[in-house]
N, C-alpha and C. Protein backbone atom coordinates (compact mmCIF):
# COMPACT_ATOMS: atom_id res chain seq x y z
N MET A 1 -27.59 50.02 -0.79
CA MET A 1 -28.14 49.22 -1.20
C MET A 1 -26.88 48.30 -1.92
N THR A 2 -25.74 48.58 -1.94
CA THR A 2 -24.87 48.38 -2.84
C THR A 2 -24.81 46.94 -2.55
N ASN A 3 -24.11 46.13 -3.51
CA ASN A 3 -24.25 44.41 -3.39
C ASN A 3 -22.83 44.31 -2.69
N HIS A 4 -22.78 44.26 -1.04
CA HIS A 4 -20.77 44.44 -0.97
C HIS A 4 -20.49 43.00 -0.84
N ASN A 5 -21.54 41.81 -1.19
CA ASN A 5 -21.06 40.67 -1.65
C ASN A 5 -20.04 40.22 -2.43
N PHE A 6 -20.16 40.97 -3.36
CA PHE A 6 -19.55 40.29 -4.55
C PHE A 6 -17.82 40.90 -3.97
N GLU A 7 -17.63 39.19 -4.66
CA GLU A 7 -15.75 39.34 -4.60
C GLU A 7 -14.77 40.17 -5.76
N ALA A 8 -14.17 40.97 -5.03
CA ALA A 8 -13.41 41.81 -6.43
C ALA A 8 -12.50 41.06 -6.97
N ASP A 9 -11.78 39.63 -6.98
CA ASP A 9 -11.42 39.20 -7.95
C ASP A 9 -12.71 38.05 -8.78
N SER A 10 -14.10 38.32 -8.53
CA SER A 10 -14.84 37.61 -9.40
C SER A 10 -14.75 38.41 -10.91
N PRO A 11 -15.00 37.79 -12.28
CA PRO A 11 -15.44 38.49 -13.24
C PRO A 11 -16.06 39.70 -13.25
N CYS A 12 -15.31 40.75 -13.58
CA CYS A 12 -16.34 42.18 -13.68
C CYS A 12 -17.65 41.86 -14.64
N PRO A 13 -18.67 41.86 -13.55
CA PRO A 13 -19.98 42.06 -14.28
C PRO A 13 -20.30 42.59 -15.17
N CYS A 14 -19.40 43.82 -16.14
CA CYS A 14 -19.25 44.58 -17.09
C CYS A 14 -19.10 43.86 -18.83
N CYS A 15 -18.59 42.53 -18.40
CA CYS A 15 -18.03 41.65 -19.33
C CYS A 15 -16.91 42.01 -20.12
N SER A 16 -16.11 42.71 -19.42
CA SER A 16 -15.08 43.18 -20.19
C SER A 16 -13.79 41.70 -20.40
N GLY A 17 -14.18 41.23 -19.22
CA GLY A 17 -13.16 39.95 -19.47
C GLY A 17 -11.85 39.98 -18.29
N ARG A 18 -12.04 40.77 -17.59
CA ARG A 18 -10.96 41.21 -16.06
C ARG A 18 -11.93 41.06 -15.02
N SER A 19 -10.71 41.04 -13.92
CA SER A 19 -11.62 41.25 -12.79
C SER A 19 -12.44 42.34 -11.88
N TYR A 20 -13.76 42.60 -11.07
CA TYR A 20 -14.01 43.38 -10.45
C TYR A 20 -12.83 44.15 -10.10
N GLN A 21 -12.19 43.94 -9.21
CA GLN A 21 -10.88 44.86 -9.17
C GLN A 21 -9.81 45.46 -9.80
N HIS A 22 -9.84 45.09 -11.02
CA HIS A 22 -8.98 45.56 -12.05
C HIS A 22 -9.99 46.00 -13.28
N CYS A 23 -11.12 46.32 -13.35
CA CYS A 23 -11.79 46.96 -14.04
C CYS A 23 -12.79 48.39 -13.37
N CYS A 24 -14.10 47.66 -12.85
CA CYS A 24 -14.72 48.68 -12.54
C CYS A 24 -14.86 49.11 -10.95
N GLN A 25 -14.40 48.15 -9.96
CA GLN A 25 -14.51 48.58 -8.72
C GLN A 25 -13.50 49.62 -8.08
N PRO A 26 -12.24 50.27 -9.01
CA PRO A 26 -11.86 51.40 -8.64
C PRO A 26 -12.78 52.60 -9.02
N LEU A 27 -13.32 52.12 -9.79
CA LEU A 27 -14.25 53.66 -10.38
C LEU A 27 -15.67 53.89 -9.24
N HIS A 28 -16.14 52.49 -9.13
CA HIS A 28 -16.99 52.55 -7.82
C HIS A 28 -16.39 53.18 -6.68
N LEU A 29 -15.17 53.01 -6.43
CA LEU A 29 -14.85 53.06 -4.88
C LEU A 29 -14.11 54.54 -5.14
N ASN A 30 -14.10 55.58 -6.41
CA ASN A 30 -13.83 56.58 -6.59
C ASN A 30 -12.10 56.85 -6.37
N LEU A 31 -11.44 55.73 -6.83
CA LEU A 31 -10.22 56.15 -6.85
C LEU A 31 -9.64 56.29 -7.96
N GLN A 32 -10.19 56.13 -9.27
CA GLN A 32 -9.92 56.31 -10.69
C GLN A 32 -11.15 56.95 -11.12
N LEU A 33 -10.95 57.93 -12.61
CA LEU A 33 -12.08 58.21 -13.13
C LEU A 33 -12.13 57.53 -14.55
N ALA A 34 -13.15 57.74 -14.85
CA ALA A 34 -13.35 56.58 -16.33
C ALA A 34 -13.04 57.92 -17.18
N GLN A 35 -11.88 56.93 -18.43
CA GLN A 35 -10.83 57.53 -19.08
C GLN A 35 -11.27 57.73 -20.46
N SER A 36 -12.45 57.13 -20.63
CA SER A 36 -13.54 57.10 -21.70
C SER A 36 -14.85 57.09 -21.76
N PRO A 37 -15.91 57.12 -22.89
CA PRO A 37 -17.17 56.81 -22.54
C PRO A 37 -17.21 55.66 -22.48
N GLU A 38 -16.97 54.76 -22.91
CA GLU A 38 -17.04 53.05 -23.09
C GLU A 38 -16.83 52.40 -21.66
N GLN A 39 -16.02 52.97 -20.77
CA GLN A 39 -15.52 52.34 -19.87
C GLN A 39 -16.41 53.23 -18.63
N LEU A 40 -16.62 54.38 -19.10
CA LEU A 40 -17.91 54.81 -17.58
C LEU A 40 -19.51 54.05 -18.14
N MET A 41 -19.82 53.89 -19.14
CA MET A 41 -20.96 52.73 -19.97
C MET A 41 -20.37 51.35 -19.03
N ARG A 42 -19.35 50.74 -18.98
CA ARG A 42 -19.58 49.64 -18.38
C ARG A 42 -19.73 49.57 -16.94
N SER A 43 -19.09 50.62 -16.28
CA SER A 43 -18.95 51.05 -14.96
C SER A 43 -20.64 51.22 -14.66
N ARG A 44 -21.04 51.81 -15.17
CA ARG A 44 -22.47 51.87 -15.25
C ARG A 44 -23.37 50.74 -15.33
N PHE A 45 -22.96 49.96 -16.29
CA PHE A 45 -23.78 48.69 -16.15
C PHE A 45 -23.63 48.05 -14.86
N CYS A 46 -22.08 47.99 -14.84
CA CYS A 46 -21.91 47.14 -13.49
C CYS A 46 -22.76 47.54 -12.04
N ALA A 47 -22.78 49.21 -11.97
CA ALA A 47 -23.37 49.82 -10.78
C ALA A 47 -24.75 48.98 -10.76
N PHE A 48 -25.30 48.87 -12.07
CA PHE A 48 -27.00 48.54 -11.80
C PHE A 48 -26.60 47.47 -11.65
N TYR A 49 -25.79 46.16 -12.04
CA TYR A 49 -25.69 44.54 -11.52
C TYR A 49 -25.44 44.78 -9.87
N LEU A 50 -24.25 45.75 -9.30
CA LEU A 50 -23.98 45.47 -8.04
C LEU A 50 -25.21 46.47 -6.92
N LYS A 51 -26.59 46.93 -7.95
CA LYS A 51 -27.32 47.94 -7.03
C LYS A 51 -26.74 49.39 -6.55
N ASN A 52 -25.45 49.76 -6.87
CA ASN A 52 -24.61 50.84 -6.61
C ASN A 52 -25.23 51.74 -7.58
N TYR A 53 -26.46 52.45 -6.43
CA TYR A 53 -27.08 53.43 -6.89
C TYR A 53 -26.81 54.77 -6.80
N PRO A 54 -25.79 55.23 -5.69
CA PRO A 54 -25.23 56.39 -5.24
C PRO A 54 -24.04 56.74 -6.91
N TYR A 55 -23.48 55.69 -7.29
CA TYR A 55 -22.57 55.53 -8.63
C TYR A 55 -23.32 56.42 -9.41
N LEU A 56 -23.85 55.65 -9.80
CA LEU A 56 -25.35 56.06 -11.30
C LEU A 56 -25.50 57.35 -11.10
N ILE A 57 -26.16 57.85 -9.79
CA ILE A 57 -26.54 59.33 -9.92
C ILE A 57 -25.73 60.25 -10.02
N ASP A 58 -24.37 59.94 -9.40
CA ASP A 58 -22.91 60.66 -9.38
C ASP A 58 -22.63 60.82 -10.81
N THR A 59 -22.62 59.81 -11.58
CA THR A 59 -22.17 59.25 -13.04
C THR A 59 -23.29 60.20 -14.08
N HIS A 60 -24.37 60.52 -13.50
CA HIS A 60 -25.28 61.00 -14.39
C HIS A 60 -25.72 62.82 -14.58
N HIS A 61 -24.75 63.28 -15.94
CA HIS A 61 -25.06 64.87 -15.86
C HIS A 61 -26.64 65.16 -15.28
N SER A 62 -26.05 66.20 -14.50
CA SER A 62 -27.17 66.91 -13.19
C SER A 62 -28.22 67.35 -14.03
N ASP A 63 -27.74 68.20 -15.93
CA ASP A 63 -28.59 68.51 -16.41
C ASP A 63 -29.88 67.73 -17.08
N TYR A 64 -29.61 65.81 -17.14
CA TYR A 64 -30.20 65.43 -17.53
C TYR A 64 -30.86 63.79 -16.80
N LEU A 65 -30.87 64.61 -15.28
CA LEU A 65 -31.50 63.83 -14.22
C LEU A 65 -32.68 63.17 -13.73
N ASP A 66 -33.54 64.88 -14.52
CA ASP A 66 -34.96 64.81 -14.69
C ASP A 66 -35.75 64.09 -14.02
N GLY A 67 -35.38 64.51 -12.11
CA GLY A 67 -36.06 64.28 -10.97
C GLY A 67 -35.56 62.52 -10.79
N LEU A 68 -34.43 61.78 -11.22
CA LEU A 68 -34.07 60.72 -11.16
C LEU A 68 -33.24 60.92 -9.69
N ASN A 69 -33.22 59.57 -8.78
CA ASN A 69 -32.81 59.69 -7.45
C ASN A 69 -32.54 58.10 -7.13
N GLU A 70 -31.70 57.69 -6.58
CA GLU A 70 -31.44 56.45 -5.88
C GLU A 70 -32.52 55.74 -5.62
N HIS A 71 -33.75 56.86 -5.05
CA HIS A 71 -34.85 56.08 -4.35
C HIS A 71 -35.76 55.23 -5.62
N THR A 72 -35.49 55.96 -6.80
CA THR A 72 -36.48 55.88 -7.90
C THR A 72 -35.88 54.72 -8.51
N LEU A 73 -34.60 54.65 -8.28
CA LEU A 73 -33.82 53.50 -8.93
C LEU A 73 -34.17 52.19 -8.24
N ALA A 74 -34.00 52.08 -7.18
CA ALA A 74 -34.50 50.80 -6.36
C ALA A 74 -35.32 50.48 -6.00
N GLN A 75 -36.33 51.14 -6.80
CA GLN A 75 -37.95 50.62 -6.78
C GLN A 75 -37.76 49.09 -7.32
N GLU A 76 -38.67 48.24 -6.63
CA GLU A 76 -39.35 47.20 -7.05
C GLU A 76 -39.90 47.30 -8.51
N PRO A 77 -40.42 46.19 -9.52
CA PRO A 77 -39.25 45.04 -9.38
C PRO A 77 -38.27 45.53 -10.26
N LEU A 78 -36.94 44.63 -9.91
CA LEU A 78 -35.41 45.17 -9.91
C LEU A 78 -35.22 44.07 -10.94
N PRO A 79 -34.76 44.43 -12.73
CA PRO A 79 -34.11 43.49 -13.40
C PRO A 79 -33.23 42.61 -12.74
N GLN A 80 -33.05 41.00 -12.81
CA GLN A 80 -31.90 40.44 -12.65
C GLN A 80 -30.36 40.45 -14.14
N TRP A 81 -29.69 41.77 -13.64
CA TRP A 81 -29.08 42.07 -14.90
C TRP A 81 -28.05 40.59 -15.21
N LEU A 82 -27.75 40.13 -16.57
CA LEU A 82 -27.28 39.08 -16.92
C LEU A 82 -25.83 39.46 -17.51
N SER A 83 -25.56 40.53 -18.76
CA SER A 83 -24.67 40.77 -19.60
C SER A 83 -24.78 42.00 -20.18
N LEU A 84 -23.52 42.36 -20.81
CA LEU A 84 -23.58 43.51 -21.53
C LEU A 84 -22.72 43.28 -22.74
N ASP A 85 -23.59 43.45 -23.80
CA ASP A 85 -22.53 43.60 -25.16
C ASP A 85 -22.55 44.72 -25.49
N VAL A 86 -20.89 45.51 -25.77
CA VAL A 86 -20.63 46.55 -26.40
C VAL A 86 -20.84 46.55 -27.79
N ILE A 87 -21.36 47.21 -28.30
CA ILE A 87 -21.53 47.17 -30.06
C ILE A 87 -20.82 48.16 -30.55
N SER A 88 -20.64 49.02 -30.52
CA SER A 88 -19.80 50.07 -30.57
C SER A 88 -19.49 51.29 -29.86
N SER A 89 -18.49 51.88 -29.82
CA SER A 89 -18.15 53.05 -28.78
C SER A 89 -17.25 53.70 -29.72
N GLU A 90 -17.34 55.10 -29.54
CA GLU A 90 -16.91 56.78 -30.37
C GLU A 90 -16.52 57.90 -29.03
N GLN A 91 -15.47 57.93 -29.31
CA GLN A 91 -14.93 59.29 -28.75
C GLN A 91 -14.90 60.54 -29.59
N ASP A 92 -15.15 62.17 -29.21
CA ASP A 92 -14.73 63.00 -30.30
C ASP A 92 -14.64 64.10 -29.26
N GLY A 93 -13.39 64.16 -28.93
CA GLY A 93 -13.23 65.36 -27.79
C GLY A 93 -13.45 64.85 -26.74
N ASP A 94 -14.53 65.82 -26.63
CA ASP A 94 -15.46 66.00 -25.00
C ASP A 94 -16.67 65.14 -25.08
N SER A 95 -16.89 64.48 -26.09
CA SER A 95 -18.22 64.07 -26.30
C SER A 95 -17.94 62.77 -26.87
N GLY A 96 -18.50 61.54 -26.48
CA GLY A 96 -19.08 60.51 -26.70
C GLY A 96 -20.42 59.69 -27.15
N GLN A 97 -20.06 58.24 -27.62
CA GLN A 97 -21.74 57.68 -27.92
C GLN A 97 -21.11 55.98 -27.79
N VAL A 98 -21.92 55.15 -26.76
CA VAL A 98 -21.79 53.90 -27.18
C VAL A 98 -23.02 53.22 -27.50
N CYS A 99 -23.05 52.68 -28.19
CA CYS A 99 -24.22 51.48 -28.40
C CYS A 99 -23.86 50.71 -27.63
N PHE A 100 -25.25 49.70 -27.00
CA PHE A 100 -25.17 48.38 -25.76
C PHE A 100 -25.92 47.65 -26.25
N GLN A 101 -25.92 46.46 -25.56
CA GLN A 101 -27.60 45.67 -25.19
C GLN A 101 -27.22 45.25 -23.71
N ALA A 102 -27.83 45.53 -23.11
CA ALA A 102 -27.64 45.06 -21.33
C ALA A 102 -28.80 43.88 -21.18
N TRP A 103 -28.25 42.82 -20.89
CA TRP A 103 -29.42 41.99 -20.65
C TRP A 103 -29.26 41.30 -19.69
N TYR A 104 -31.47 40.96 -19.15
CA TYR A 104 -31.59 41.21 -18.00
C TYR A 104 -32.77 39.93 -18.28
N LYS A 105 -33.27 39.31 -16.94
CA LYS A 105 -34.43 38.86 -16.84
C LYS A 105 -35.80 39.55 -15.65
N LEU A 106 -36.93 39.81 -16.13
CA LEU A 106 -37.88 40.51 -15.45
C LEU A 106 -38.82 39.27 -15.20
N ASP A 107 -39.31 38.86 -14.10
CA ASP A 107 -40.42 38.14 -13.91
C ASP A 107 -40.08 36.75 -14.83
N ASN A 108 -39.21 36.45 -14.97
CA ASN A 108 -38.58 35.53 -15.37
C ASN A 108 -38.50 35.40 -17.18
N GLU A 109 -38.70 36.68 -17.61
CA GLU A 109 -38.92 36.61 -19.50
C GLU A 109 -37.06 37.52 -19.68
N LEU A 110 -36.56 37.27 -20.62
CA LEU A 110 -35.46 37.85 -21.11
C LEU A 110 -35.59 38.89 -22.31
N ASP A 111 -34.92 40.17 -21.69
CA ASP A 111 -35.04 40.70 -22.43
C ASP A 111 -33.77 41.72 -22.33
N ALA A 112 -33.80 43.03 -23.39
CA ALA A 112 -32.67 43.51 -23.47
C ALA A 112 -32.73 45.26 -23.76
N ILE A 113 -32.13 46.00 -22.85
CA ILE A 113 -31.94 46.98 -23.15
C ILE A 113 -30.86 47.33 -24.18
N HIS A 114 -31.46 48.02 -25.30
CA HIS A 114 -30.35 48.17 -26.53
C HIS A 114 -30.80 49.88 -26.75
N GLU A 115 -29.94 50.24 -26.56
CA GLU A 115 -29.39 51.81 -26.41
C GLU A 115 -28.27 52.61 -27.09
N SER A 116 -28.20 53.49 -27.81
CA SER A 116 -27.23 54.34 -28.21
C SER A 116 -27.02 55.73 -27.07
N SER A 117 -25.99 55.30 -26.48
CA SER A 117 -25.89 56.76 -25.11
C SER A 117 -24.86 58.04 -25.50
N ASP A 118 -25.18 58.71 -25.04
CA ASP A 118 -24.56 59.96 -25.31
C ASP A 118 -24.06 60.29 -24.22
N PHE A 119 -22.88 60.72 -23.82
CA PHE A 119 -21.19 61.38 -23.06
C PHE A 119 -20.88 62.33 -22.78
N ILE A 120 -20.50 63.06 -22.50
CA ILE A 120 -19.81 64.71 -22.44
C ILE A 120 -18.86 64.17 -21.03
N LYS A 121 -17.64 64.88 -21.42
CA LYS A 121 -16.60 65.22 -20.42
C LYS A 121 -16.40 66.55 -19.68
N GLN A 122 -16.67 66.90 -18.50
CA GLN A 122 -17.16 68.41 -17.95
C GLN A 122 -15.80 68.24 -16.95
N ASP A 123 -14.64 69.18 -16.80
CA ASP A 123 -13.72 69.01 -15.74
C ASP A 123 -13.00 67.60 -15.69
N GLY A 124 -12.92 67.11 -16.76
CA GLY A 124 -12.51 66.12 -16.75
C GLY A 124 -13.15 64.40 -16.80
N ARG A 125 -14.04 64.60 -16.22
CA ARG A 125 -14.90 63.73 -15.56
C ARG A 125 -16.21 63.32 -16.56
N TRP A 126 -16.28 62.09 -17.38
CA TRP A 126 -17.51 61.46 -17.95
C TRP A 126 -18.31 61.82 -17.57
N PHE A 127 -19.67 62.09 -17.98
CA PHE A 127 -20.91 61.99 -17.32
C PHE A 127 -21.89 61.47 -18.78
N TYR A 128 -22.54 60.09 -18.47
CA TYR A 128 -23.89 59.68 -19.26
C TYR A 128 -25.12 60.90 -18.90
N THR A 129 -24.99 60.97 -20.28
CA THR A 129 -26.16 62.45 -20.64
C THR A 129 -27.74 61.65 -20.68
N GLN A 130 -27.89 61.36 -21.86
CA GLN A 130 -29.42 60.71 -22.46
C GLN A 130 -28.87 59.45 -23.13
N GLY A 131 -29.76 58.82 -23.68
CA GLY A 131 -29.77 57.87 -24.79
C GLY A 131 -30.99 57.46 -25.71
N GLU A 132 -30.79 57.02 -26.77
CA GLU A 132 -32.08 56.76 -27.69
C GLU A 132 -32.34 54.98 -27.60
N GLN A 133 -33.51 54.62 -27.07
CA GLN A 133 -33.64 53.42 -27.33
C GLN A 133 -34.03 52.72 -28.38
N LYS A 134 -33.43 51.31 -28.58
CA LYS A 134 -33.49 50.73 -29.88
C LYS A 134 -34.23 49.48 -29.48
N ALA A 135 -35.00 49.25 -30.34
CA ALA A 135 -35.65 47.21 -30.34
C ALA A 135 -34.15 46.38 -30.16
N PRO A 136 -34.33 45.45 -29.02
CA PRO A 136 -33.29 44.21 -28.86
C PRO A 136 -33.24 43.66 -30.23
N ILE A 137 -31.88 43.13 -30.21
CA ILE A 137 -31.81 42.20 -31.39
C ILE A 137 -31.21 40.77 -30.15
N LEU A 138 -32.30 39.62 -30.41
CA LEU A 138 -31.89 38.66 -30.24
C LEU A 138 -30.75 38.04 -30.38
N PRO A 139 -30.22 36.91 -29.78
CA PRO A 139 -29.26 36.03 -30.01
C PRO A 139 -29.59 35.15 -31.25
N LYS A 140 -28.83 34.39 -32.50
CA LYS A 140 -29.08 33.70 -32.97
C LYS A 140 -29.16 32.12 -32.19
N ARG A 141 -30.02 31.15 -32.73
CA ARG A 141 -30.17 29.73 -31.67
C ARG A 141 -28.79 29.38 -31.08
N ASN A 142 -27.34 29.08 -31.80
CA ASN A 142 -26.19 28.89 -31.73
C ASN A 142 -25.43 29.70 -31.39
N ASP A 143 -25.49 30.80 -31.02
CA ASP A 143 -24.49 32.03 -30.29
C ASP A 143 -24.75 31.88 -28.91
N LYS A 144 -23.72 31.98 -28.05
CA LYS A 144 -23.29 32.03 -26.62
C LYS A 144 -24.75 32.79 -26.02
N CYS A 145 -25.02 31.49 -24.75
CA CYS A 145 -25.80 32.51 -24.19
C CYS A 145 -26.01 33.82 -23.57
N VAL A 146 -26.79 34.72 -23.53
CA VAL A 146 -25.96 35.81 -22.58
C VAL A 146 -25.74 36.05 -21.44
N CYS A 147 -26.57 35.11 -20.82
CA CYS A 147 -26.39 34.83 -19.22
C CYS A 147 -25.16 34.23 -18.42
N GLN A 148 -24.52 34.03 -19.84
CA GLN A 148 -22.91 33.55 -19.30
C GLN A 148 -22.76 32.36 -18.63
N SER A 149 -23.62 31.75 -19.30
CA SER A 149 -23.83 29.76 -18.88
C SER A 149 -22.77 29.68 -19.89
N GLY A 150 -22.47 29.97 -20.77
CA GLY A 150 -21.54 29.21 -21.78
C GLY A 150 -22.13 28.00 -22.48
N LYS A 151 -23.90 27.91 -22.47
CA LYS A 151 -24.41 26.90 -23.21
C LYS A 151 -24.56 28.03 -24.56
N LYS A 152 -25.06 27.22 -25.51
CA LYS A 152 -25.99 27.68 -26.68
C LYS A 152 -27.19 28.70 -25.99
N PHE A 153 -27.47 29.71 -27.11
CA PHE A 153 -28.70 30.33 -26.68
C PHE A 153 -29.57 29.43 -26.58
N LYS A 154 -30.49 28.51 -27.76
CA LYS A 154 -31.20 27.85 -27.74
C LYS A 154 -31.34 26.69 -26.76
N GLN A 155 -30.36 26.42 -26.18
CA GLN A 155 -30.08 25.05 -24.98
C GLN A 155 -30.44 26.06 -23.51
N CYS A 156 -30.40 27.57 -23.77
CA CYS A 156 -30.64 27.98 -22.11
C CYS A 156 -31.77 28.73 -21.78
N CYS A 157 -31.21 30.31 -22.03
CA CYS A 157 -32.67 31.65 -22.22
C CYS A 157 -33.45 31.45 -23.38
N ALA A 158 -32.94 30.88 -24.62
CA ALA A 158 -33.81 30.82 -25.11
C ALA A 158 -35.48 30.13 -24.96
N LYS A 159 -35.17 29.30 -24.41
CA LYS A 159 -36.06 28.10 -23.61
C LYS A 159 -37.43 28.37 -23.20
């Protein structure tokens, strides 16, 4: 169910500022491994955006899957992922934490997953384990819109 029509030279959906081919694509193609919890988290957001469910399962630590599978991830209704804001990222040896907001629209309503996610490194690979959900923090009226339109929030998704 992966979105194969996404252009490799397009801006990466993870909002890194780099092209997909120079950011998350090498991880999605298993050509390289994430070097940090933040890189893995960005690649996982990008995988949600592109509906690359095998990658999401592969990078989710098996002890924390709790029955999650590709079929579950692909169930409707699916959000329209908009953008990712990394708030903080920490790494201490083989563990790390990334706090982020992943913006999406569902049924034309704007929302975000605001989470502090935990990661562990095993056998040279980073894995997502679990996260603590928090209330989303909406942008201020004059902030850039979360949908990447370039407009102010009040003139775009806040309407």
